[in-house]
Protein backbone atom coordinates (compact mmCIF):
# COMPACT_ATOMS: atom_id res chain seq x y z
CA MET A 1 -6.50 -1.49 37.61
CA ARG A 2 -4.98 -0.27 34.58
CA MET A 3 -4.72 -3.05 31.65
CA SER A 4 -1.15 -4.30 31.07
CA THR A 5 0.45 -3.66 27.43
CA ILE A 6 2.21 -6.13 25.30
CA ALA A 7 4.43 -4.73 22.69
CA VAL A 8 5.27 -6.78 19.80
CA ASP A 9 7.99 -6.17 17.39
CA LEU A 10 6.80 -8.31 14.54
CA ALA A 11 9.23 -10.22 12.42
CA LYS A 12 9.16 -13.26 9.89
CA THR A 13 10.25 -16.11 12.68
CA VAL A 14 11.30 -14.19 15.89
CA PHE A 15 9.24 -11.81 17.71
CA GLU A 16 10.61 -9.59 20.51
CA VAL A 17 7.90 -9.05 23.21
CA ALA A 18 7.96 -6.56 25.95
CA ILE A 19 5.20 -6.75 28.70
CA ALA A 20 4.56 -3.50 30.90
CA ASP A 21 2.31 -3.36 33.69
CA GLY A 22 -0.40 -0.72 34.13
CA SER A 23 2.17 1.94 35.40
CA GLY A 24 4.15 1.52 32.20
CA HIS A 25 7.08 -0.46 33.62
CA VAL A 26 8.49 -3.51 31.82
CA VAL A 27 7.87 -6.42 33.75
CA ARG A 28 8.86 -9.24 31.50
CA ARG A 29 10.65 -9.60 28.08
CA HIS A 30 10.53 -12.49 25.70
CA ARG A 31 11.93 -13.46 22.44
CA LEU A 32 9.21 -16.16 20.88
CA THR A 33 8.81 -18.16 17.76
CA ARG A 34 5.30 -17.98 15.88
CA VAL A 35 4.03 -20.92 17.68
CA GLN A 36 5.28 -19.55 21.13
CA PHE A 37 3.80 -16.07 20.34
CA GLU A 38 0.33 -17.31 19.24
CA ARG A 39 0.50 -19.40 22.61
CA LEU A 40 1.27 -16.58 24.60
CA LEU A 41 -1.68 -14.52 23.40
CA ARG A 42 -4.26 -17.37 24.04
CA GLU A 43 -2.58 -17.90 27.51
CA GLU A 44 -1.96 -14.06 28.63
CA PRO A 45 -4.87 -12.18 30.34
CA ALA A 46 -6.60 -9.55 28.54
CA ALA A 47 -4.11 -6.83 27.46
CA HIS A 48 -3.57 -4.03 25.37
CA VAL A 49 -1.11 -5.33 22.48
CA VAL A 50 0.53 -2.87 20.43
CA MET A 51 2.45 -3.41 17.03
CA GLU A 52 3.62 -1.37 14.03
CA ALA A 53 1.39 -1.48 11.18
CA CYS A 54 3.70 -3.56 8.89
CA GLY A 55 3.81 -7.01 7.31
CA THR A 56 1.49 -9.73 8.95
CA ALA A 57 0.43 -6.92 11.42
CA HIS A 58 -3.20 -7.24 10.07
CA PHE A 59 -3.14 -10.98 10.81
CA TRP A 60 -1.73 -10.94 14.19
CA GLY A 61 -3.93 -7.90 14.74
CA ARG A 62 -7.24 -10.15 14.22
CA THR A 63 -5.45 -13.32 16.06
CA ALA A 64 -4.88 -10.92 19.29
CA ARG A 65 -8.43 -9.68 19.05
CA ALA A 66 -9.88 -13.39 18.89
CA ALA A 67 -7.92 -14.06 22.00
CA GLY A 68 -9.87 -11.12 23.60
CA HIS A 69 -7.25 -8.44 23.52
CA GLN A 70 -7.58 -5.01 22.75
CA VAL A 71 -5.10 -4.06 19.88
CA SER A 72 -3.58 -1.12 18.40
CA LEU A 73 -1.56 -1.02 15.01
CA LEU A 74 0.52 2.17 14.77
CA PRO A 75 2.23 3.53 11.73
CA ALA A 76 5.76 2.57 11.45
CA GLN A 77 7.00 6.17 10.72
CA TYR A 78 5.62 7.59 13.58
CA VAL A 79 7.01 4.88 16.19
CA ARG A 80 10.33 5.52 14.92
CA PRO A 81 11.15 8.62 16.87
CA PHE A 82 10.16 6.87 19.98
CA VAL A 83 13.12 4.25 19.66
CA ARG A 84 15.90 5.38 21.43
CA ARG A 85 19.86 5.16 20.59
CA GLN A 86 20.41 2.24 18.21
CA LYS A 87 18.15 -0.03 16.47
CA THR A 88 17.68 -3.48 18.09
CA ASP A 89 14.49 -5.46 18.56
CA ARG A 90 14.66 -4.89 22.16
CA THR A 91 14.85 -0.89 21.55
CA ASP A 92 12.05 -1.24 18.86
CA ALA A 93 9.51 -3.04 21.48
CA ALA A 94 10.55 -0.34 24.25
CA GLY A 95 9.76 2.31 21.58
CA LEU A 96 6.43 0.78 20.84
CA LEU A 97 5.66 0.98 24.56
CA ASP A 98 6.50 4.81 24.56
CA ALA A 99 4.48 5.21 21.54
CA ALA A 100 1.31 3.43 22.87
CA ARG A 101 1.51 6.08 25.70
CA SER A 102 1.52 8.99 23.20
CA HIS A 103 -2.31 9.98 22.81
CA GLY A 104 -1.61 11.88 19.50
CA LEU A 105 -1.12 8.89 17.59
CA SER A 106 -3.89 7.27 15.80
CA ALA A 107 -4.18 3.56 15.49
CA VAL A 108 -4.37 2.00 11.96
CA PRO A 109 -7.72 -0.16 12.01
CA ILE A 110 -7.22 -3.77 11.34
CA LYS A 111 -8.27 -5.05 7.85
CA THR A 112 -10.74 -8.09 7.23
CA ILE A 113 -9.57 -11.04 5.53
CA ALA A 114 -12.02 -9.80 2.56
CA GLN A 115 -10.38 -6.45 2.53
CA GLN A 116 -6.76 -7.88 2.36
CA GLU A 117 -7.75 -10.30 -0.30
CA LEU A 118 -9.11 -7.19 -2.28
CA GLN A 119 -5.66 -5.50 -1.98
CA ALA A 120 -3.73 -8.77 -2.83
CA LEU A 121 -5.51 -8.77 -6.03
CA HIS A 122 -4.95 -5.48 -6.76
CA ARG A 123 -0.99 -5.90 -5.85
CA VAL A 124 -0.78 -8.98 -8.16
CA ARG A 125 -2.51 -7.28 -10.88
CA GLU A 126 -0.19 -4.41 -10.82
CA GLN A 127 2.88 -6.60 -10.93
CA TRP A 128 1.84 -8.40 -13.76
CA MET A 129 0.98 -5.13 -15.62
CA THR A 130 4.57 -4.01 -14.72
CA THR A 131 5.82 -7.17 -16.27
CA ARG A 132 3.77 -6.87 -19.28
CA THR A 133 5.07 -3.15 -20.13
CA ALA A 134 8.65 -4.42 -19.53
CA ARG A 135 8.07 -7.23 -21.95
CA ILE A 136 6.51 -4.95 -24.75
CA ASN A 137 9.38 -2.76 -24.32
CA THR A 138 11.81 -5.30 -24.46
CA VAL A 139 10.20 -6.40 -27.89
CA ARG A 140 9.82 -3.05 -29.19
CA GLY A 141 13.36 -2.09 -28.52
CA LEU A 142 14.87 -5.27 -30.02
CA LEU A 143 12.81 -5.38 -33.21
CA ARG A 144 13.98 -1.55 -33.76
CA GLU A 145 17.63 -2.95 -33.72
CA PHE A 146 16.81 -4.71 -36.93
CA GLY A 147 15.11 -1.93 -38.68
CA ILE A 148 11.52 -2.79 -37.78
CA THR A 149 9.23 -0.37 -35.89
CA ILE A 150 5.71 -1.35 -34.29
CA GLY A 151 2.68 0.70 -33.52
CA ALA A 152 2.37 2.62 -30.15
CA GLY A 153 0.16 1.33 -27.35
CA ALA A 154 0.12 -2.10 -26.03
CA ARG A 155 -2.58 -3.76 -27.81
CA ARG A 156 -1.33 -2.44 -31.26
CA ALA A 157 2.30 -3.45 -30.21
CA VAL A 158 1.60 -6.98 -29.61
CA VAL A 159 -0.60 -7.53 -32.83
CA ASP A 160 2.23 -5.99 -35.12
CA ALA A 161 4.93 -7.92 -33.29
CA GLN A 162 3.09 -11.48 -33.87
CA ARG A 163 2.46 -9.96 -37.61
CA VAL A 164 6.31 -9.37 -38.08
CA LEU A 165 7.20 -12.53 -36.77
CA ASP A 166 4.77 -14.51 -39.06
CA GLU A 167 6.38 -13.01 -41.98
CA CYS A 168 8.55 -15.05 -43.87
CA GLY A 169 10.96 -12.15 -45.37
CA SER A 170 11.40 -10.24 -42.31
CA ALA A 171 14.99 -9.34 -41.54
CA ILE A 172 14.89 -11.04 -37.88
CA PRO A 173 17.59 -13.92 -37.49
CA GLY A 174 16.07 -17.49 -36.84
CA ARG A 175 17.15 -17.99 -33.42
CA MET A 176 15.96 -14.44 -32.39
CA ARG A 177 12.72 -14.86 -34.06
CA GLY A 178 12.35 -17.91 -31.82
CA VAL A 179 12.96 -15.88 -28.64
CA LEU A 180 10.59 -13.08 -29.58
CA ARG A 181 7.67 -15.56 -30.43
CA GLN A 182 7.97 -16.52 -26.63
CA MET A 183 8.21 -13.32 -25.32
CA VAL A 184 4.80 -12.55 -27.22
CA GLU A 185 3.27 -16.00 -25.98
CA GLU A 186 4.27 -14.51 -22.41
CA ILE A 187 2.94 -11.26 -23.06
CA ARG A 188 -0.43 -12.82 -24.12
CA ASP A 189 -0.51 -15.20 -21.25
CA LEU A 190 0.19 -12.24 -18.83
CA GLU A 191 -2.83 -10.40 -20.28
CA SER A 192 -5.10 -13.41 -19.91
CA LYS A 193 -4.05 -13.45 -16.11
CA ILE A 194 -5.04 -9.85 -15.85
CA GLU A 195 -8.35 -10.37 -17.38
CA GLU A 196 -9.06 -13.10 -14.95
CA VAL A 197 -8.30 -10.75 -12.12
CA ASP A 198 -10.25 -8.28 -13.74
CA GLN A 199 -13.41 -10.36 -13.71
CA GLY A 200 -12.93 -11.13 -10.12
CA LEU A 201 -12.82 -7.38 -9.30
CA ARG A 202 -15.92 -6.69 -11.36
CA SER A 203 -17.81 -9.63 -9.63
CA VAL A 204 -16.62 -7.84 -6.24
CA ALA A 205 -17.95 -4.67 -7.43
CA ASP A 206 -21.36 -6.03 -8.31
CA GLU A 207 -21.78 -7.77 -5.06
CA ASN A 208 -20.77 -4.94 -2.77
CA PRO A 209 -23.38 -2.02 -2.58
CA MET A 210 -20.85 0.44 -1.50
CA ALA A 211 -18.71 -0.18 -4.54
CA GLY A 212 -21.73 0.64 -6.53
CA ARG A 213 -22.23 3.83 -4.82
CA LEU A 214 -18.77 4.83 -5.43
CA MET A 215 -18.66 4.06 -8.94
CA GLY A 216 -21.58 6.73 -9.21
CA ILE A 217 -18.77 9.34 -8.68
CA PRO A 218 -17.43 10.81 -11.93
CA GLY A 219 -13.90 9.26 -12.62
CA ILE A 220 -14.48 6.21 -10.47
CA GLY A 221 -14.68 2.84 -11.99
CA VAL A 222 -14.62 -0.79 -10.62
CA MET A 223 -10.42 -0.58 -10.45
CA THR A 224 -10.73 2.50 -8.02
CA ALA A 225 -13.72 1.58 -6.11
CA THR A 226 -12.56 -2.01 -5.26
CA ALA A 227 -8.84 -0.56 -4.58
CA LEU A 228 -10.67 1.94 -2.01
CA LEU A 229 -12.76 -0.87 -0.24
CA GLY A 230 -9.41 -3.00 0.03
CA SER A 231 -7.31 -0.13 1.40
CA VAL A 232 -9.47 1.83 3.54
CA ALA A 233 -10.19 -0.37 6.79
CA ASP A 234 -12.58 2.15 8.28
CA ILE A 235 -13.49 5.31 6.54
CA HIS A 236 -15.34 6.56 9.93
CA GLY A 237 -11.42 6.69 11.03
CA PHE A 238 -11.20 10.22 9.00
CA ARG A 239 -13.07 12.96 10.55
CA ARG A 240 -13.63 15.09 7.31
CA GLY A 241 -12.90 14.71 3.37
CA ARG A 242 -9.76 16.89 4.00
CA GLN A 243 -8.22 14.23 6.45
CA PHE A 244 -9.17 11.64 3.79
CA ALA A 245 -7.41 13.45 0.97
CA SER A 246 -4.32 14.53 3.27
CA TRP A 247 -3.90 10.49 4.04
CA LEU A 248 -3.95 9.84 0.16
CA GLY A 249 -1.29 12.76 -0.33
CA LEU A 250 -3.37 14.97 -2.37
CA THR A 251 -3.13 18.02 -0.03
CA PRO A 252 -0.35 21.03 -0.14
CA ARG A 253 2.75 20.47 1.64
CA GLU A 254 3.00 23.23 4.30
CA HIS A 255 6.03 24.90 5.89
CA SER A 256 4.71 27.68 8.21
CA SER A 257 5.77 29.46 11.24
CA ALA A 258 4.01 32.33 13.25
CA GLU A 259 1.97 34.44 10.82
CA ARG A 260 3.76 33.18 7.72
CA ARG A 261 2.10 30.42 5.84
CA VAL A 262 3.58 28.52 3.15
CA LEU A 263 1.71 26.12 0.74
CA GLY A 264 3.79 23.98 -1.86
CA GLY A 265 2.75 20.97 -4.25
CA ILE A 266 1.05 17.84 -2.97
CA THR A 267 2.83 15.64 -0.08
CA LYS A 268 2.52 12.69 -2.05
CA GLN A 269 2.44 10.68 1.05
CA GLY A 270 0.30 7.84 1.78
CA ASN A 271 -1.14 5.20 -0.79
CA VAL A 272 0.83 5.71 -4.09
CA TYR A 273 -1.58 3.23 -6.00
CA LEU A 274 -4.68 5.01 -4.75
CA ARG A 275 -3.47 8.26 -5.59
CA CYS A 276 -2.37 7.16 -9.08
CA LEU A 277 -6.23 5.68 -9.88
CA LEU A 278 -7.52 8.96 -8.84
CA THR A 279 -5.51 11.03 -10.58
CA HIS A 280 -5.99 9.01 -13.95
CA GLY A 281 -9.93 9.28 -12.96
CA ALA A 282 -9.53 13.12 -12.68
CA ARG A 283 -8.12 13.33 -16.07
CA SER A 284 -10.95 11.45 -17.42
CA VAL A 285 -13.35 13.96 -15.66
CA LEU A 286 -11.38 16.76 -17.21
CA LEU A 287 -11.51 15.25 -20.87
CA SER A 288 -15.38 14.50 -20.47
CA ALA A 289 -15.69 18.32 -19.31
CA HIS A 290 -13.59 19.51 -22.27
CA ARG A 291 -15.63 17.39 -24.72
CA ALA A 292 -18.97 18.47 -23.48
CA SER A 293 -18.00 21.84 -23.31
CA ALA A 294 -17.03 21.81 -26.97
CA ALA A 295 -20.26 19.95 -27.91
CA LYS A 296 -22.25 22.70 -26.17
CA ARG A 297 -23.76 20.36 -23.77
CA GLN A 298 -25.03 20.94 -20.19
CA LEU A 299 -21.97 20.72 -17.71
CA SER A 300 -22.32 19.60 -14.05
CA ARG A 301 -21.01 21.66 -11.32
CA LEU A 302 -17.99 19.13 -10.79
CA GLN A 303 -17.17 19.77 -14.83
CA GLN A 304 -17.65 23.67 -14.44
CA TRP A 305 -15.31 23.91 -11.27
CA ALA A 306 -12.80 21.42 -13.20
CA LEU A 307 -12.69 23.64 -16.48
CA ALA A 308 -12.50 27.04 -14.17
CA VAL A 309 -9.28 25.44 -12.60
CA ALA A 310 -7.80 24.38 -15.89
CA ASN A 311 -8.05 27.73 -17.46
CA ARG A 312 -6.63 29.61 -14.41
CA ARG A 313 -3.99 27.09 -13.07
CA GLY A 314 -3.28 24.71 -16.26
CA HIS A 315 -4.52 20.84 -17.12
CA ASN A 316 -2.09 19.20 -14.77
CA ARG A 317 -2.84 21.02 -11.62
CA ALA A 318 -6.34 20.78 -12.39
CA ALA A 319 -6.01 17.12 -12.50
CA ILE A 320 -4.63 17.00 -9.07
CA ALA A 321 -7.35 19.59 -7.78
CA VAL A 322 -10.09 17.06 -9.32
CA ALA A 323 -8.47 14.27 -7.55
CA ASN A 324 -8.56 15.87 -4.34
CA LYS A 325 -12.35 16.92 -4.98
CA MET A 326 -13.11 13.23 -5.64
CA ALA A 327 -11.33 11.99 -2.46
CA ARG A 328 -13.50 14.51 -0.39
CA ILE A 329 -16.71 13.18 -2.43
CA VAL A 330 -15.45 9.42 -1.87
CA TRP A 331 -15.25 10.30 1.77
CA ALA A 332 -18.73 11.96 1.81
CA VAL A 333 -20.51 9.13 0.16
CA TRP A 334 -18.85 6.56 1.99
CA SER A 335 -18.91 7.65 5.45
CA ARG A 336 -22.85 8.90 5.11
CA ASP A 337 -23.82 5.91 3.28
CA THR A 338 -25.46 7.81 0.47
CA THR A 339 -25.03 8.16 -3.29
CA PHE A 340 -23.51 11.01 -5.41
CA ASP A 341 -26.52 12.88 -7.42
CA ALA A 342 -25.09 14.52 -10.49
CA ARG A 343 -28.56 15.66 -11.07
CA PHE A 344 -28.70 17.80 -7.82
CA ALA A 345 -25.14 19.28 -8.68
CA GLU A 346 -26.45 20.32 -12.45
CA GLN A 347 -29.62 21.80 -10.71
CA LEU A 348 -27.13 23.97 -8.35
CA ALA A 349 -25.15 25.06 -11.39
CA ALA A 350 -28.42 26.02 -13.43
């Protein structure tokens, strides 16, 4: 007998539930609160629970799995085409049932609590970094209105702003001086909070063996390694490195038909934060390669390839190409539980 399917349209307070039998016919519909939905998961016989991979989905996925159910989290952008006519909670649940019967959709692995904690730390840090940058730009702009310019860069800007505010003869009005002092104090407070999160991420990297292996890859440090561990629930869900790079949006956009194949720029789909970190790491790889070449030092195979691409296609395209290469190396190191050996790459290049 085929397992029944429970399709759940998640929400903050009210959940729409559609239960289908083994043949796919809807036999029951419920509109439940959070407490009622949790009770349904405990009381219902083992079934296939289907939800969109959206907010709170991983929590409810763990809850349903603990109750003995088989859980599938489907990407929301792939479920949308299955929703018929106008959007309602009822049609969303029906669309999930249709999507669950489509064998071409890959489910999103359920994250553990530790992975969600890591991801949350990165999101909080990113928000604080954005706020800090906004405050620095505001201070810089306000001082410029009074004919005062401060140095470039976040650290120098804060130091210069503090020095200007401490000077008695500066042209800043009295009330404005007090407000700017508060903004500088807010920037310093944000910096201390960011440093506290950074220390937590460094401790996670020190305790996690896979983070150490990922950090052995050129261009990957504590931030990128911990972000990967928090965002990628199961690296074995990707069959090869190109699929992982495609998930990150680092592969070319394709618009082809018959024998005509057209490749464009990268798709920029997937996790923007991870793609940004890998791109910054790729720029550091390119910079180190240029410096090593100028100093007549021996280049690794990756550095030689990066410089060849930069000479042929330009610096920016080379940075994206190196980020793509780094993503594939990450997949190989992580999925095979091995380490990146730069000395081996140097021997191949010799």
